[in-house]
Amino acid sequence: MQTKRIKLYSITTCAFCQAIKKMLTDLNVAHESVDADLLFGEEREALVSELRRINPSCSFPTIDIDGRIITGMKVQEIKETIGIRTKVDDLYDGLKKSQEAKGYFFNQDKERTFELLRGLLTNKDRYGYMSCPCRLAAGQREMDRDIICPCVYREPDVDEFGSCYCQLYVSRDWNDRKIPHVIVPERRPPQN
């Protein structure tokens, strides 16, 4: 992978800024990071002026990747722009292919989709299976079999509401905004 020039404009009190900084560090991505709130006087003025040239709203986090400006907590967009692939990207590709063939689509909000997929991988590491990231798993496969993704509630949820409970899987009409986006009620009976 060719090295890209990456500069992160952040502030120390911004949780999103710190999460992106941690991600870049954890993935060993060479980058420059500057915390605007730790600068004072002319140094701060110069940084704010520089930031306003690329992001007039001067919002944080802002990341410049070889001239491509990304603002906000857009982890997946940042990874794709840098050219980083992780296990979650492989999971996305595999599930997209297999589930679209069955008529189920990923939520087109890619950041939300990837957050949910990361939750599935966390649960797989934790329990040995990918339980729904929006429900509390018991940690016993037999007790959780109804919420192993795709859960048994997905089909009726998508049929009735256009999306599953966590909005990972949706219908084409839901993605095309032809049907309203509503909060899907929990179908799973209470667990003892």
C-alpha atoms as a PDB file:
ATOM      1  CA  MET A   1       0.000   0.000   0.000  1.00  0.00           C
ATOM      2  CA  GLN A   2       1.353   3.397  -0.991  1.00  0.00           C
ATOM      3  CA  THR A   3       1.856   5.780   1.916  1.00  0.00           C
ATOM      4  CA  LYS A   4      -0.703   8.561   2.011  1.00  0.00           C
ATOM      5  CA  ARG A   5      -0.333  11.942   3.653  1.00  0.00           C
ATOM      6  CA  ILE A   6      -2.796  11.936   6.542  1.00  0.00           C
ATOM      7  CA  LYS A   7      -3.484  14.793   8.923  1.00  0.00           C
ATOM      8  CA  LEU A   8      -6.081  14.604  11.680  1.00  0.00           C
ATOM      9  CA  TYR A   9      -7.419  17.843  13.137  1.00  0.00           C
ATOM     10  CA  SER A  10      -8.880  17.112  16.535  1.00  0.00           C
ATOM     11  CA  ILE A  11      -9.562  18.391  20.018  1.00  0.00           C
ATOM     12  CA  THR A  12      -8.807  16.427  23.173  1.00  0.00           C
ATOM     13  CA  THR A  13     -12.364  16.647  24.523  1.00  0.00           C
ATOM     14  CA  CYS A  14     -13.946  15.178  21.381  1.00  0.00           C
ATOM     15  CA  ALA A  15     -14.651  11.462  21.811  1.00  0.00           C
ATOM     16  CA  PHE A  16     -14.945  10.969  18.033  1.00  0.00           C
ATOM     17  CA  CYS A  17     -11.571  12.650  17.477  1.00  0.00           C
ATOM     18  CA  GLN A  18      -9.906  10.432  20.044  1.00  0.00           C
ATOM     19  CA  ALA A  19     -11.558   7.294  18.619  1.00  0.00           C
ATOM     20  CA  ILE A  20     -10.241   8.066  15.127  1.00  0.00           C
ATOM     21  CA  LYS A  21      -6.784   8.828  16.520  1.00  0.00           C
ATOM     22  CA  LYS A  22      -6.815   5.493  18.389  1.00  0.00           C
ATOM     23  CA  MET A  23      -7.964   3.628  15.277  1.00  0.00           C
ATOM     24  CA  LEU A  24      -5.134   5.086  13.185  1.00  0.00           C
ATOM     25  CA  THR A  25      -2.608   4.258  15.899  1.00  0.00           C
ATOM     26  CA  ASP A  26      -3.970   0.733  16.463  1.00  0.00           C
ATOM     27  CA  LEU A  27      -3.822   0.028  12.711  1.00  0.00           C
ATOM     28  CA  ASN A  28      -0.256   1.412  12.538  1.00  0.00           C
ATOM     29  CA  VAL A  29      -1.247   4.110  10.058  1.00  0.00           C
ATOM     30  CA  ALA A  30       1.360   6.855   9.774  1.00  0.00           C
ATOM     31  CA  HIS A  31      -0.372  10.167  10.367  1.00  0.00           C
ATOM     32  CA  GLU A  32       0.025  13.628  11.782  1.00  0.00           C
ATOM     33  CA  SER A  33      -2.407  14.574  14.507  1.00  0.00           C
ATOM     34  CA  VAL A  34      -2.899  18.015  15.963  1.00  0.00           C
ATOM     35  CA  ASP A  35      -5.108  18.851  18.934  1.00  0.00           C
ATOM     36  CA  ALA A  36      -6.334  22.388  18.339  1.00  0.00           C
ATOM     37  CA  ASP A  37      -7.346  22.934  21.957  1.00  0.00           C
ATOM     38  CA  LEU A  38      -3.748  22.426  23.109  1.00  0.00           C
ATOM     39  CA  LEU A  39      -2.489  25.261  20.910  1.00  0.00           C
ATOM     40  CA  PHE A  40      -2.564  28.925  21.905  1.00  0.00           C
ATOM     41  CA  GLY A  41      -2.113  32.339  20.373  1.00  0.00           C
ATOM     42  CA  GLU A  42      -0.635  32.545  16.887  1.00  0.00           C
ATOM     43  CA  GLU A  43      -0.144  28.783  16.674  1.00  0.00           C
ATOM     44  CA  ARG A  44      -3.859  28.170  17.248  1.00  0.00           C
ATOM     45  CA  GLU A  45      -4.840  30.976  14.861  1.00  0.00           C
ATOM     46  CA  ALA A  46      -2.625  29.479  12.145  1.00  0.00           C
ATOM     47  CA  LEU A  47      -4.139  26.026  12.634  1.00  0.00           C
ATOM     48  CA  VAL A  48      -7.719  27.329  12.589  1.00  0.00           C
ATOM     49  CA  SER A  49      -6.943  29.291   9.421  1.00  0.00           C
ATOM     50  CA  GLU A  50      -5.467  26.152   7.823  1.00  0.00           C
ATOM     51  CA  LEU A  51      -8.482  24.093   8.870  1.00  0.00           C
ATOM     52  CA  ARG A  52     -10.984  26.674   7.562  1.00  0.00           C
ATOM     53  CA  ARG A  53      -9.370  26.458   4.109  1.00  0.00           C
ATOM     54  CA  ILE A  54     -10.281  22.763   3.884  1.00  0.00           C
ATOM     55  CA  ASN A  55     -13.347  22.730   6.163  1.00  0.00           C
ATOM     56  CA  PRO A  56     -15.047  26.142   6.392  1.00  0.00           C
ATOM     57  CA  SER A  57     -17.198  25.004   9.327  1.00  0.00           C
ATOM     58  CA  CYS A  58     -13.998  24.221  11.268  1.00  0.00           C
ATOM     59  CA  SER A  59     -15.625  21.135  12.804  1.00  0.00           C
ATOM     60  CA  PHE A  60     -13.918  18.245  14.544  1.00  0.00           C
ATOM     61  CA  PRO A  61     -12.785  15.683  13.731  1.00  0.00           C
ATOM     62  CA  THR A  62     -11.541  16.630  10.287  1.00  0.00           C
ATOM     63  CA  ILE A  63      -9.106  14.374   8.485  1.00  0.00           C
ATOM     64  CA  ASP A  64      -7.164  15.228   5.330  1.00  0.00           C
ATOM     65  CA  ILE A  65      -6.088  12.135   3.384  1.00  0.00           C
ATOM     66  CA  ASP A  66      -4.055  13.250   0.380  1.00  0.00           C
ATOM     67  CA  GLY A  67      -6.420  16.180  -0.147  1.00  0.00           C
ATOM     68  CA  ARG A  68      -9.641  14.261   0.439  1.00  0.00           C
ATOM     69  CA  ILE A  69     -11.390  15.870   3.379  1.00  0.00           C
ATOM     70  CA  ILE A  70     -13.579  13.780   5.675  1.00  0.00           C
ATOM     71  CA  THR A  71     -15.428  15.346   8.598  1.00  0.00           C
ATOM     72  CA  GLY A  72     -17.140  13.607  11.464  1.00  0.00           C
ATOM     73  CA  MET A  73     -17.020  10.060  12.791  1.00  0.00           C
ATOM     74  CA  LYS A  74     -16.844   8.230   9.477  1.00  0.00           C
ATOM     75  CA  VAL A  75     -14.621   5.287  10.358  1.00  0.00           C
ATOM     76  CA  GLN A  76     -15.467   3.171   7.336  1.00  0.00           C
ATOM     77  CA  GLU A  77     -15.023   6.034   4.873  1.00  0.00           C
ATOM     78  CA  ILE A  78     -11.642   6.827   6.431  1.00  0.00           C
ATOM     79  CA  LYS A  79     -10.546   3.176   6.239  1.00  0.00           C
ATOM     80  CA  GLU A  80     -11.643   2.874   2.609  1.00  0.00           C
ATOM     81  CA  THR A  81      -9.903   6.113   1.631  1.00  0.00           C
ATOM     82  CA  ILE A  82      -6.661   4.978   3.256  1.00  0.00           C
ATOM     83  CA  GLY A  83      -7.012   1.508   1.729  1.00  0.00           C
ATOM     84  CA  ILE A  84      -7.318  -0.509   4.938  1.00  0.00           C
ATOM     85  CA  ARG A  85      -9.232  -3.789   5.061  1.00  0.00           C
ATOM     86  CA  THR A  86     -10.035  -5.622   8.266  1.00  0.00           C
ATOM     87  CA  LYS A  87     -12.093  -8.665   9.283  1.00  0.00           C
ATOM     88  CA  VAL A  88     -15.230  -6.556   9.260  1.00  0.00           C
ATOM     89  CA  ASP A  89     -14.720  -5.755   5.559  1.00  0.00           C
ATOM     90  CA  ASP A  90     -14.461  -9.464   4.772  1.00  0.00           C
ATOM     91  CA  LEU A  91     -17.617 -10.149   6.801  1.00  0.00           C
ATOM     92  CA  TYR A  92     -19.428  -7.364   4.935  1.00  0.00           C
ATOM     93  CA  ASP A  93     -18.450  -8.752   1.532  1.00  0.00           C
ATOM     94  CA  GLY A  94     -19.449 -12.328   2.409  1.00  0.00           C
ATOM     95  CA  LEU A  95     -22.779 -11.487   4.012  1.00  0.00           C
ATOM     96  CA  LYS A  96     -23.691  -8.937   1.341  1.00  0.00           C
ATOM     97  CA  LYS A  97     -23.339 -11.546  -1.380  1.00  0.00           C
ATOM     98  CA  SER A  98     -25.177 -14.324   0.463  1.00  0.00           C
ATOM     99  CA  GLN A  99     -27.992 -12.208   1.929  1.00  0.00           C
ATOM    100  CA  GLU A 100     -28.767 -10.072  -1.125  1.00  0.00           C
ATOM    101  CA  ALA A 101     -29.367 -13.327  -3.006  1.00  0.00           C
ATOM    102  CA  LYS A 102     -32.132 -13.966  -0.429  1.00  0.00           C
ATOM    103  CA  GLY A 103     -33.627 -10.485  -0.840  1.00  0.00           C
ATOM    104  CA  TYR A 104     -32.095  -8.893   2.263  1.00  0.00           C
ATOM    105  CA  PHE A 105     -29.933  -5.806   1.920  1.00  0.00           C
ATOM    106  CA  PHE A 106     -27.580  -4.011   4.257  1.00  0.00           C
ATOM    107  CA  ASN A 107     -28.697  -0.656   5.568  1.00  0.00           C
ATOM    108  CA  GLN A 108     -27.235   1.866   3.122  1.00  0.00           C
ATOM    109  CA  ASP A 109     -25.896   3.886   6.075  1.00  0.00           C
ATOM    110  CA  LYS A 110     -22.509   2.239   5.780  1.00  0.00           C
ATOM    111  CA  GLU A 111     -21.152   3.635   9.051  1.00  0.00           C
ATOM    112  CA  ARG A 112     -24.101   2.165  10.994  1.00  0.00           C
ATOM    113  CA  THR A 113     -23.832  -1.115   9.101  1.00  0.00           C
ATOM    114  CA  PHE A 114     -20.154  -1.469   9.921  1.00  0.00           C
ATOM    115  CA  GLU A 115     -20.743  -0.591  13.590  1.00  0.00           C
ATOM    116  CA  LEU A 116     -23.273  -3.435  13.742  1.00  0.00           C
ATOM    117  CA  LEU A 117     -20.929  -5.827  11.919  1.00  0.00           C
ATOM    118  CA  ARG A 118     -18.163  -4.975  14.401  1.00  0.00           C
ATOM    119  CA  GLY A 119     -20.669  -5.850  17.140  1.00  0.00           C
ATOM    120  CA  LEU A 120     -21.288  -9.223  15.485  1.00  0.00           C
ATOM    121  CA  LEU A 121     -17.548  -9.914  15.426  1.00  0.00           C
ATOM    122  CA  THR A 122     -17.231  -8.878  19.074  1.00  0.00           C
ATOM    123  CA  ASN A 123     -19.997 -11.316  19.992  1.00  0.00           C
ATOM    124  CA  LYS A 124     -18.351 -14.047  17.917  1.00  0.00           C
ATOM    125  CA  ASP A 125     -15.109 -13.523  19.844  1.00  0.00           C
ATOM    126  CA  ARG A 126     -16.996 -13.393  23.134  1.00  0.00           C
ATOM    127  CA  TYR A 127     -19.470 -16.268  22.681  1.00  0.00           C
ATOM    128  CA  GLY A 128     -18.273 -18.254  19.677  1.00  0.00           C
ATOM    129  CA  TYR A 129     -21.247 -17.186  17.541  1.00  0.00           C
ATOM    130  CA  MET A 130     -22.550 -13.946  16.075  1.00  0.00           C
ATOM    131  CA  SER A 131     -25.509 -13.050  18.245  1.00  0.00           C
ATOM    132  CA  CYS A 132     -27.501  -9.924  17.434  1.00  0.00           C
ATOM    133  CA  PRO A 133     -25.439  -6.912  18.538  1.00  0.00           C
ATOM    134  CA  CYS A 134     -28.596  -5.125  19.746  1.00  0.00           C
ATOM    135  CA  ARG A 135     -29.734  -7.812  22.161  1.00  0.00           C
ATOM    136  CA  LEU A 136     -28.233  -9.203  25.358  1.00  0.00           C
ATOM    137  CA  ALA A 137     -26.930 -12.698  24.686  1.00  0.00           C
ATOM    138  CA  ALA A 138     -26.930 -15.347  27.398  1.00  0.00           C
ATOM    139  CA  GLY A 139     -23.643 -16.721  26.135  1.00  0.00           C
ATOM    140  CA  GLN A 140     -25.169 -20.166  25.646  1.00  0.00           C
ATOM    141  CA  ARG A 141     -25.756 -21.077  22.019  1.00  0.00           C
ATOM    142  CA  GLU A 142     -28.915 -23.084  22.716  1.00  0.00           C
ATOM    143  CA  MET A 143     -30.505 -20.211  24.659  1.00  0.00           C
ATOM    144  CA  ASP A 144     -29.436 -17.682  22.009  1.00  0.00           C
ATOM    145  CA  ARG A 145     -30.173 -19.651  18.844  1.00  0.00           C
ATOM    146  CA  ASP A 146     -33.107 -17.352  17.988  1.00  0.00           C
ATOM    147  CA  ILE A 147     -30.856 -14.263  18.030  1.00  0.00           C
ATOM    148  CA  ILE A 148     -27.892 -15.655  16.112  1.00  0.00           C
ATOM    149  CA  CYS A 149     -27.614 -13.317  13.148  1.00  0.00           C
ATOM    150  CA  PRO A 150     -29.498 -13.406  10.931  1.00  0.00           C
ATOM    151  CA  CYS A 151     -32.002 -13.944  13.717  1.00  0.00           C
ATOM    152  CA  VAL A 152     -35.333 -15.715  13.377  1.00  0.00           C
ATOM    153  CA  TYR A 153     -37.095 -12.360  13.772  1.00  0.00           C
ATOM    154  CA  ARG A 154     -35.459 -10.794  10.728  1.00  0.00           C
ATOM    155  CA  GLU A 155     -37.928 -12.148   8.176  1.00  0.00           C
ATOM    156  CA  PRO A 156     -41.120 -10.993   9.928  1.00  0.00           C
ATOM    157  CA  ASP A 157     -39.492  -7.671  10.890  1.00  0.00           C
ATOM    158  CA  VAL A 158     -38.375  -6.908   7.335  1.00  0.00           C
ATOM    159  CA  ASP A 159     -41.743  -8.066   5.952  1.00  0.00           C
ATOM    160  CA  GLU A 160     -43.686  -5.803   8.328  1.00  0.00           C
ATOM    161  CA  PHE A 161     -41.364  -2.833   8.897  1.00  0.00           C
ATOM    162  CA  GLY A 162     -38.794  -2.971   6.095  1.00  0.00           C
ATOM    163  CA  SER A 163     -35.906  -3.533   8.506  1.00  0.00           C
ATOM    164  CA  CYS A 164     -34.818  -5.931  11.186  1.00  0.00           C
ATOM    165  CA  TYR A 165     -34.712  -4.899  14.843  1.00  0.00           C
ATOM    166  CA  CYS A 166     -31.202  -3.409  14.666  1.00  0.00           C
ATOM    167  CA  GLN A 167     -31.576  -2.095  11.093  1.00  0.00           C
ATOM    168  CA  LEU A 168     -28.663  -4.133   9.777  1.00  0.00           C
ATOM    169  CA  TYR A 169     -30.849  -5.937   7.239  1.00  0.00           C
ATOM    170  CA  VAL A 170     -33.441  -3.974   5.316  1.00  0.00           C
ATOM    171  CA  SER A 171     -35.626  -4.250   2.246  1.00  0.00           C
ATOM    172  CA  ARG A 172     -34.811  -2.508  -1.010  1.00  0.00           C
ATOM    173  CA  ASP A 173     -37.853  -0.245  -0.470  1.00  0.00           C
ATOM    174  CA  TRP A 174     -36.558   0.724   2.992  1.00  0.00           C
ATOM    175  CA  ASN A 175     -33.187   1.719   1.529  1.00  0.00           C
ATOM    176  CA  ASP A 176     -34.936   3.613  -1.276  1.00  0.00           C
ATOM    177  CA  ARG A 177     -37.044   5.432   1.376  1.00  0.00           C
ATOM    178  CA  LYS A 178     -40.261   4.216  -0.243  1.00  0.00           C
ATOM    179  CA  ILE A 179     -41.497   3.099   3.168  1.00  0.00           C
ATOM    180  CA  PRO A 180     -41.234   4.929   6.494  1.00  0.00           C
ATOM    181  CA  HIS A 181     -38.314   4.221   8.796  1.00  0.00           C
ATOM    182  CA  VAL A 182     -39.853   3.262  12.115  1.00  0.00           C
ATOM    183  CA  ILE A 183     -38.515   1.783  15.319  1.00  0.00           C
ATOM    184  CA  VAL A 184     -38.988  -1.968  15.098  1.00  0.00           C
ATOM    185  CA  PRO A 185     -40.517  -3.368  18.294  1.00  0.00           C
ATOM    186  CA  GLU A 186     -38.851  -6.290  20.020  1.00  0.00           C
ATOM    187  CA  ARG A 187     -40.438  -9.601  18.993  1.00  0.00           C
ATOM    188  CA  ARG A 188     -38.284 -11.779  21.200  1.00  0.00           C
ATOM    189  CA  PRO A 189     -40.160 -12.996  24.266  1.00  0.00           C
ATOM    190  CA  PRO A 190     -38.660 -11.979  27.630  1.00  0.00           C
ATOM    191  CA  GLN A 191     -35.906 -14.319  28.779  1.00  0.00           C
ATOM    192  CA  ASN A 192     -35.752 -15.691  32.306  1.00  0.00           C
END
